[in-house]
Protein backbone atom coordinates (compact mmCIF):
# COMPACT_ATOMS: atom_id res chain seq x y z
CA MET A 1 -8.54 31.62 6.45
CA PRO A 2 -8.73 27.70 7.22
CA VAL A 3 -5.44 26.13 8.50
CA LYS A 4 -4.41 22.98 6.08
CA LYS A 5 -4.36 19.71 8.78
CA LYS A 6 -1.58 17.91 7.92
CA GLN A 7 -1.90 14.19 7.24
CA VAL A 8 -0.11 12.15 10.05
CA GLN A 9 1.14 8.89 8.86
CA PRO A 10 0.45 6.09 11.68
CA ARG A 11 2.81 4.38 13.97
CA SER A 12 1.20 0.84 13.86
CA GLY A 13 -1.56 -1.00 12.80
CA PRO A 14 -2.70 -3.13 9.53
CA GLU A 15 -2.84 -0.29 7.36
CA ARG A 16 0.55 0.81 7.84
CA ALA A 17 1.73 -2.86 7.73
CA PHE A 18 0.13 -3.02 4.45
CA GLY A 19 1.38 0.12 3.08
CA GLU A 20 4.95 -1.51 4.30
CA VAL A 21 4.93 -4.47 2.32
CA LEU A 22 3.05 -3.35 -0.55
CA ARG A 23 6.20 -0.60 -1.05
CA ALA A 24 8.53 -3.27 -0.15
CA GLN A 25 7.20 -5.33 -3.06
CA ARG A 26 7.07 -2.44 -5.11
CA LYS A 27 9.92 -1.91 -5.08
CA LYS A 28 11.27 -5.78 -5.40
CA VAL A 29 9.61 -5.99 -8.82
CA GLY A 30 10.72 -2.42 -9.90
CA PHE A 31 8.22 -0.92 -10.24
CA SER A 32 7.56 3.61 -9.66
CA GLN A 33 4.46 4.25 -7.49
CA GLU A 34 3.63 5.65 -11.39
CA ARG A 35 4.21 2.77 -13.40
CA LEU A 36 2.09 0.70 -10.22
CA ALA A 37 -1.05 3.35 -10.58
CA LEU A 38 -0.55 2.92 -14.59
CA GLU A 39 -1.23 -0.57 -14.82
CA SER A 40 -3.58 -0.70 -11.95
CA GLY A 41 -6.28 1.85 -13.14
CA PHE A 42 -5.52 3.38 -9.83
CA ASP A 43 -3.64 6.88 -9.09
CA ARG A 44 -0.29 7.92 -7.80
CA THR A 45 -1.70 9.24 -5.15
CA THR A 46 -3.75 6.46 -4.17
CA ILE A 47 -1.12 4.34 -4.49
CA SER A 48 0.86 7.06 -2.25
CA LEU A 49 -1.65 6.94 0.13
CA LEU A 50 -1.74 3.10 0.30
CA GLU A 51 1.84 2.84 1.37
CA ARG A 52 2.02 5.58 4.05
CA GLY A 53 -1.31 3.22 5.65
CA LEU A 54 -3.47 6.66 5.23
CA THR A 55 -5.94 4.53 3.44
CA SER A 56 -7.13 1.14 3.81
CA PRO A 57 -7.53 -0.93 0.94
CA THR A 58 -10.96 -2.59 0.35
CA LEU A 59 -10.29 -6.63 -0.57
CA ARG A 60 -10.91 -5.88 -4.66
CA THR A 61 -7.59 -3.93 -4.31
CA MET A 62 -5.66 -5.46 -2.46
CA ALA A 63 -6.29 -8.50 -5.08
CA ARG A 64 -6.06 -6.19 -7.81
CA LEU A 65 -2.31 -5.03 -6.27
CA CYS A 66 -1.38 -8.31 -5.70
CA LYS A 67 -1.05 -9.81 -9.30
CA LEU A 68 1.03 -6.61 -10.71
CA ILE A 69 3.34 -6.92 -7.14
CA ARG A 70 3.17 -11.03 -7.75
CA LEU A 71 2.37 -11.86 -4.00
CA THR A 72 -0.83 -14.25 -3.48
CA LEU A 73 -3.34 -12.37 -0.89
CA SER A 74 -1.91 -15.00 1.39
CA GLN A 75 1.25 -13.97 1.15
CA LEU A 76 0.29 -10.66 1.12
CA ALA A 77 -1.74 -11.53 4.76
CA THR A 78 1.71 -13.29 5.99
CA ARG A 79 3.83 -10.55 5.45
CA ILE A 80 1.38 -7.72 6.80
CA GLU A 81 1.43 -9.84 10.12
CA SER A 82 5.38 -10.36 9.76
CA SER A 83 4.93 -7.01 9.69
CA ARG A 84 6.83 -4.33 12.90
CA TYR A 85 3.85 -2.78 12.53
CA TYR A 86 1.45 -5.03 12.58
């Protein structure tokens, strides 16, 4: 029986920084992962993977999420660059 490999959250990097910004802003606007998933058309699991830095978002994904969490792409980029994980 194969052993399941546990997903390990990256310690740093742009994906982790993006995830931190996404989670903080999502909570600030009062959205659950489920609600953000429903309104964005993504699966809740996808939102979770993005927030944990396990998946890298496309530009299209970032633009779609930014509209919902009330950030511009430039604000998102600034916050990512200011993240302790970047």
